[in-house]
Amino acid sequence: MALDDFFESEVLIAVLATAVVMSPKGRKFLRRGAVLGLAGALTAGDALSTFGRGVAKGAQETVKATAASVKETVEEGRRERREDAEDAEIEAEDEAS
């Protein structure tokens, strides 16, 4: 190999990777990075799942509240319709007498 061959990017990367893997400090650094990276990924996943559960719970509560409001509105409309019918019946009886 010529001296120029040692300065190619592929050769430099291979030499650096070999030096890091063979070095105790390099292995310690890689191990620590892998552990911290995995811990960060697990923490982020936990945060996302907690957020998702909160969103789902909020959506369920919103649906329940909306359903209750719709039910209340329907019942109110039925009561008003009954009252109107009763008022019309009373007026008809008054006119008949």
C-alpha atoms as a PDB file:
ATOM      1  CA  MET A   1       0.000   0.000   0.000  1.00  0.00           C
ATOM      2  CA  ALA A   2       1.194   3.433  -0.875  1.00  0.00           C
ATOM      3  CA  LEU A   3       1.174   6.280   1.593  1.00  0.00           C
ATOM      4  CA  ASP A   4      -1.710   7.935  -0.275  1.00  0.00           C
ATOM      5  CA  ASP A   5      -3.875   4.857   0.334  1.00  0.00           C
ATOM      6  CA  PHE A   6      -3.816   5.494   4.089  1.00  0.00           C
ATOM      7  CA  PHE A   7      -5.504   8.870   3.607  1.00  0.00           C
ATOM      8  CA  GLU A   8      -8.578   7.562   1.816  1.00  0.00           C
ATOM      9  CA  SER A   9     -11.763   8.038   3.804  1.00  0.00           C
ATOM     10  CA  GLU A  10     -12.619   4.325   3.986  1.00  0.00           C
ATOM     11  CA  VAL A  11      -9.183   3.433   5.324  1.00  0.00           C
ATOM     12  CA  LEU A  12      -9.228   6.281   7.872  1.00  0.00           C
ATOM     13  CA  ILE A  13     -12.646   5.207   9.156  1.00  0.00           C
ATOM     14  CA  ALA A  14     -11.520   1.584   9.474  1.00  0.00           C
ATOM     15  CA  VAL A  15      -8.335   2.602  11.318  1.00  0.00           C
ATOM     16  CA  LEU A  16     -10.247   4.898  13.700  1.00  0.00           C
ATOM     17  CA  ALA A  17     -12.889   2.236  14.378  1.00  0.00           C
ATOM     18  CA  THR A  18     -10.208  -0.344  15.094  1.00  0.00           C
ATOM     19  CA  ALA A  19      -8.382   2.044  17.423  1.00  0.00           C
ATOM     20  CA  VAL A  20     -11.581   2.829  19.333  1.00  0.00           C
ATOM     21  CA  VAL A  21     -12.573  -0.832  19.656  1.00  0.00           C
ATOM     22  CA  MET A  22      -9.109  -1.877  20.829  1.00  0.00           C
ATOM     23  CA  SER A  23      -8.780   0.966  23.332  1.00  0.00           C
ATOM     24  CA  PRO A  24     -10.205   0.379  26.852  1.00  0.00           C
ATOM     25  CA  LYS A  25     -11.214   4.042  27.073  1.00  0.00           C
ATOM     26  CA  GLY A  26     -12.848   3.837  23.657  1.00  0.00           C
ATOM     27  CA  ARG A  27     -14.844   0.729  24.609  1.00  0.00           C
ATOM     28  CA  LYS A  28     -15.918   2.382  27.860  1.00  0.00           C
ATOM     29  CA  PHE A  29     -17.014   5.469  25.926  1.00  0.00           C
ATOM     30  CA  LEU A  30     -19.007   3.358  23.421  1.00  0.00           C
ATOM     31  CA  ARG A  31     -20.622   1.300  26.182  1.00  0.00           C
ATOM     32  CA  ARG A  32     -21.604   4.394  28.111  1.00  0.00           C
ATOM     33  CA  GLY A  33     -22.992   6.004  24.971  1.00  0.00           C
ATOM     34  CA  ALA A  34     -25.030   2.898  24.165  1.00  0.00           C
ATOM     35  CA  VAL A  35     -26.425   2.708  27.703  1.00  0.00           C
ATOM     36  CA  LEU A  36     -27.296   6.404  27.834  1.00  0.00           C
ATOM     37  CA  GLY A  37     -28.785   6.280  24.333  1.00  0.00           C
ATOM     38  CA  LEU A  38     -30.975   3.308  25.222  1.00  0.00           C
ATOM     39  CA  ALA A  39     -32.049   4.974  28.480  1.00  0.00           C
ATOM     40  CA  GLY A  40     -32.971   8.112  26.565  1.00  0.00           C
ATOM     41  CA  ALA A  41     -34.977   6.132  24.029  1.00  0.00           C
ATOM     42  CA  LEU A  42     -36.848   4.285  26.793  1.00  0.00           C
ATOM     43  CA  THR A  43     -37.591   7.542  28.610  1.00  0.00           C
ATOM     44  CA  ALA A  44     -38.849   9.169  25.420  1.00  0.00           C
ATOM     45  CA  GLY A  45     -41.038   6.148  24.678  1.00  0.00           C
ATOM     46  CA  ASP A  46     -42.488   6.267  28.174  1.00  0.00           C
ATOM     47  CA  ALA A  47     -43.209   9.978  27.858  1.00  0.00           C
ATOM     48  CA  LEU A  48     -44.922   9.469  24.496  1.00  0.00           C
ATOM     49  CA  SER A  49     -47.073   6.612  25.779  1.00  0.00           C
ATOM     50  CA  THR A  50     -48.077   8.644  28.842  1.00  0.00           C
ATOM     51  CA  PHE A  51     -48.981  11.566  26.583  1.00  0.00           C
ATOM     52  CA  GLY A  52     -51.000   9.243  24.343  1.00  0.00           C
ATOM     53  CA  ARG A  53     -52.899   7.816  27.296  1.00  0.00           C
ATOM     54  CA  GLY A  54     -53.696  11.347  28.484  1.00  0.00           C
ATOM     55  CA  VAL A  55     -54.982  12.334  25.062  1.00  0.00           C
ATOM     56  CA  ALA A  56     -57.141   9.203  24.879  1.00  0.00           C
ATOM     57  CA  LYS A  57     -58.563   9.827  28.352  1.00  0.00           C
ATOM     58  CA  GLY A  58     -59.342  13.444  27.472  1.00  0.00           C
ATOM     59  CA  ALA A  59     -61.070  12.348  24.282  1.00  0.00           C
ATOM     60  CA  GLN A  60     -63.191   9.830  26.196  1.00  0.00           C
ATOM     61  CA  GLU A  61     -64.218  12.468  28.731  1.00  0.00           C
ATOM     62  CA  THR A  62     -65.095  14.883  25.928  1.00  0.00           C
ATOM     63  CA  VAL A  63     -67.267  12.266  24.225  1.00  0.00           C
ATOM     64  CA  LYS A  64     -69.043  11.473  27.495  1.00  0.00           C
ATOM     65  CA  ALA A  65     -69.680  15.160  28.205  1.00  0.00           C
ATOM     66  CA  THR A  66     -70.946  15.738  24.677  1.00  0.00           C
ATOM     67  CA  ALA A  67     -73.255  12.717  24.870  1.00  0.00           C
ATOM     68  CA  ALA A  68     -74.661  13.940  28.185  1.00  0.00           C
ATOM     69  CA  SER A  69     -75.220  17.415  26.741  1.00  0.00           C
ATOM     70  CA  VAL A  70     -76.985  16.017  23.677  1.00  0.00           C
ATOM     71  CA  LYS A  71     -79.173  13.799  25.856  1.00  0.00           C
ATOM     72  CA  GLU A  72     -80.077  16.758  28.072  1.00  0.00           C
ATOM     73  CA  THR A  73     -80.937  18.897  25.055  1.00  0.00           C
ATOM     74  CA  VAL A  74     -83.150  16.153  23.588  1.00  0.00           C
ATOM     75  CA  GLU A  75     -84.971  15.712  26.897  1.00  0.00           C
ATOM     76  CA  GLU A  76     -85.484  19.460  27.184  1.00  0.00           C
ATOM     77  CA  GLY A  77     -86.934  19.544  23.677  1.00  0.00           C
ATOM     78  CA  ARG A  78     -89.312  16.697  24.535  1.00  0.00           C
ATOM     79  CA  ARG A  79     -90.453  18.493  27.692  1.00  0.00           C
ATOM     80  CA  GLU A  80     -91.086  21.691  25.767  1.00  0.00           C
ATOM     81  CA  ARG A  81     -93.021  19.781  23.105  1.00  0.00           C
ATOM     82  CA  ARG A  82     -95.175  18.129  25.793  1.00  0.00           C
ATOM     83  CA  GLU A  83     -95.785  21.493  27.467  1.00  0.00           C
ATOM     84  CA  ASP A  84     -96.751  23.049  24.130  1.00  0.00           C
ATOM     85  CA  ALA A  85     -99.151  20.181  23.447  1.00  0.00           C
ATOM     86  CA  GLU A  86    -100.698  20.541  26.906  1.00  0.00           C
ATOM     87  CA  ASP A  87    -101.046  24.316  26.428  1.00  0.00           C
ATOM     88  CA  ALA A  88    -102.713  23.761  23.048  1.00  0.00           C
ATOM     89  CA  GLU A  89    -105.089  21.241  24.649  1.00  0.00           C
ATOM     90  CA  ILE A  90    -106.022  23.711  27.399  1.00  0.00           C
ATOM     91  CA  GLU A  91    -106.586  26.486  24.836  1.00  0.00           C
ATOM     92  CA  ALA A  92    -108.778  24.161  22.777  1.00  0.00           C
ATOM     93  CA  GLU A  93    -110.825  23.289  25.863  1.00  0.00           C
ATOM     94  CA  ASP A  94    -111.170  26.988  26.754  1.00  0.00           C
ATOM     95  CA  GLU A  95    -112.352  27.827  23.247  1.00  0.00           C
ATOM     96  CA  ALA A  96    -114.821  24.951  23.298  1.00  0.00           C
ATOM     97  CA  SER A  97    -116.437  26.098  26.516  1.00  0.00           C
END
